[in-house]
């Protein structure tokens, strides 16, 4: 019986895998592929840090949302602790992506 550690991991699309796909499917060399993926994610994260929304047609929108401070509690001790205001990234899938996902879920 063959046992693989990879079978225990949650399948994920990584930056390294994206770079490999660019190398294989478009023909960029591996260094160019890695640089292009890094540049893309630097652009997206830089825009979000500046407070700008990122909209990718056919995929979805990444938005920055400011959450107000609120009271919280330590679940272990029950002690009240304040939760400070912070900015979070939210993602909303496009209708096209939602339809693709629903189509896959319905298919036999």
Protein backbone atom coordinates (compact mmCIF):
# COMPACT_ATOMS: atom_id res chain seq x y z
CA UNK A 1 0.00 0.00 0.00
CA UNK A 2 1.42 3.37 -1.07
CA UNK A 3 1.13 6.19 1.46
CA UNK A 4 1.82 9.82 0.61
CA UNK A 5 2.14 12.77 2.97
CA UNK A 6 0.63 14.98 0.25
CA UNK A 7 -2.63 13.04 0.53
CA UNK A 8 -2.99 14.36 4.10
CA UNK A 9 -2.65 18.00 3.11
CA UNK A 10 -5.49 20.24 2.03
CA UNK A 11 -5.08 20.80 -1.69
CA UNK A 12 -4.16 24.41 -2.32
CA UNK A 13 -3.12 26.47 -5.31
CA UNK A 14 0.18 28.02 -4.24
CA UNK A 15 2.25 30.82 -5.76
CA UNK A 16 4.85 28.22 -6.72
CA UNK A 17 2.19 26.16 -8.49
CA UNK A 18 0.92 29.24 -10.34
CA UNK A 19 4.47 30.03 -11.48
CA UNK A 20 4.87 26.43 -12.66
CA UNK A 21 1.63 26.69 -14.66
CA UNK A 22 2.87 29.90 -16.34
CA UNK A 23 6.10 28.11 -17.20
CA UNK A 24 4.29 25.08 -18.66
CA UNK A 25 1.34 26.72 -20.41
CA UNK A 26 2.68 30.08 -21.60
CA UNK A 27 6.33 29.28 -22.04
CA UNK A 28 7.86 31.88 -19.75
CA UNK A 29 11.06 30.74 -18.11
CA UNK A 30 10.80 29.79 -14.44
CA UNK A 31 12.38 33.01 -13.17
CA UNK A 32 10.02 35.18 -15.27
CA UNK A 33 7.05 33.11 -14.11
CA UNK A 34 7.97 33.54 -10.44
CA UNK A 35 8.62 37.27 -10.91
CA UNK A 36 5.26 37.75 -12.66
CA UNK A 37 3.33 35.97 -9.90
CA UNK A 38 5.21 37.93 -7.21
CA UNK A 39 4.55 41.22 -9.03
CA UNK A 40 0.83 40.42 -9.31
CA UNK A 41 0.45 39.69 -5.61
CA UNK A 42 2.59 42.71 -4.66
CA UNK A 43 0.28 44.89 -6.75
CA UNK A 44 -2.87 43.42 -5.18
CA UNK A 45 -1.56 43.62 -1.61
CA UNK A 46 -0.14 47.12 -2.16
CA UNK A 47 -3.49 48.37 -3.42
CA UNK A 48 -5.29 46.87 -0.42
CA UNK A 49 -2.78 48.40 2.02
CA UNK A 50 -3.48 51.80 0.42
CA UNK A 51 -7.19 51.24 1.04
CA UNK A 52 -8.12 50.67 -2.61
CA UNK A 53 -10.52 47.90 -3.62
CA UNK A 54 -9.25 45.26 -6.05
CA UNK A 55 -11.73 44.03 -8.65
CA UNK A 56 -10.85 41.06 -10.84
CA UNK A 57 -13.42 40.64 -13.60
CA UNK A 58 -15.04 37.22 -13.60
CA UNK A 59 -13.46 36.33 -10.26
CA UNK A 60 -14.49 38.77 -7.51
CA UNK A 61 -13.72 41.81 -5.39
CA UNK A 62 -11.30 42.24 -2.52
CA UNK A 63 -12.28 45.10 -0.24
CA UNK A 64 -10.83 46.71 2.87
CA UNK A 65 -13.28 47.06 5.71
CA UNK A 66 -12.64 48.96 8.93
CA UNK A 67 -14.02 47.21 12.00
CA UNK A 68 -14.86 49.31 15.02
CA UNK A 69 -13.47 48.55 18.48
CA UNK A 70 -15.72 46.30 20.55
CA UNK A 71 -15.78 44.47 23.83
CA UNK A 72 -14.72 40.84 23.77
CA UNK A 73 -13.84 38.14 26.25
CA UNK A 74 -11.26 35.44 26.74
CA UNK A 75 -13.18 32.19 26.12
CA UNK A 76 -10.99 30.24 28.54
CA UNK A 77 -11.20 32.60 31.53
CA UNK A 78 -14.28 34.66 30.70
CA UNK A 79 -12.22 37.81 31.33
CA UNK A 80 -13.43 40.88 29.43
CA UNK A 81 -10.86 42.24 26.98
CA UNK A 82 -11.20 45.09 24.51
CA UNK A 83 -10.82 44.28 20.82
CA UNK A 84 -9.18 47.19 19.05
CA UNK A 85 -10.30 48.74 15.77
CA UNK A 86 -8.69 47.09 12.77
CA UNK A 87 -8.83 46.81 9.02
CA UNK A 88 -9.72 43.48 7.42
CA UNK A 89 -9.83 42.21 3.85
CA UNK A 90 -13.10 40.77 2.60
CA UNK A 91 -13.67 38.85 -0.62
CA UNK A 92 -16.91 38.71 -2.55
CA UNK A 93 -17.04 36.24 -5.43
CA UNK A 94 -18.44 37.43 -8.76
CA UNK A 95 -21.69 36.00 -10.08
CA UNK A 96 -19.70 34.27 -12.81
CA UNK A 97 -17.48 32.50 -10.25
CA UNK A 98 -20.50 31.60 -8.10
CA UNK A 99 -22.26 30.13 -11.13
CA UNK A 100 -19.16 28.09 -12.04
CA UNK A 101 -18.93 26.75 -8.48
CA UNK A 102 -22.64 25.88 -8.38
CA UNK A 103 -22.39 24.21 -11.78
CA UNK A 104 -19.59 21.97 -10.49
CA UNK A 105 -21.54 21.12 -7.34
CA UNK A 106 -24.63 20.07 -9.32
CA UNK A 107 -22.74 18.02 -11.92
CA UNK A 108 -22.77 14.24 -11.28
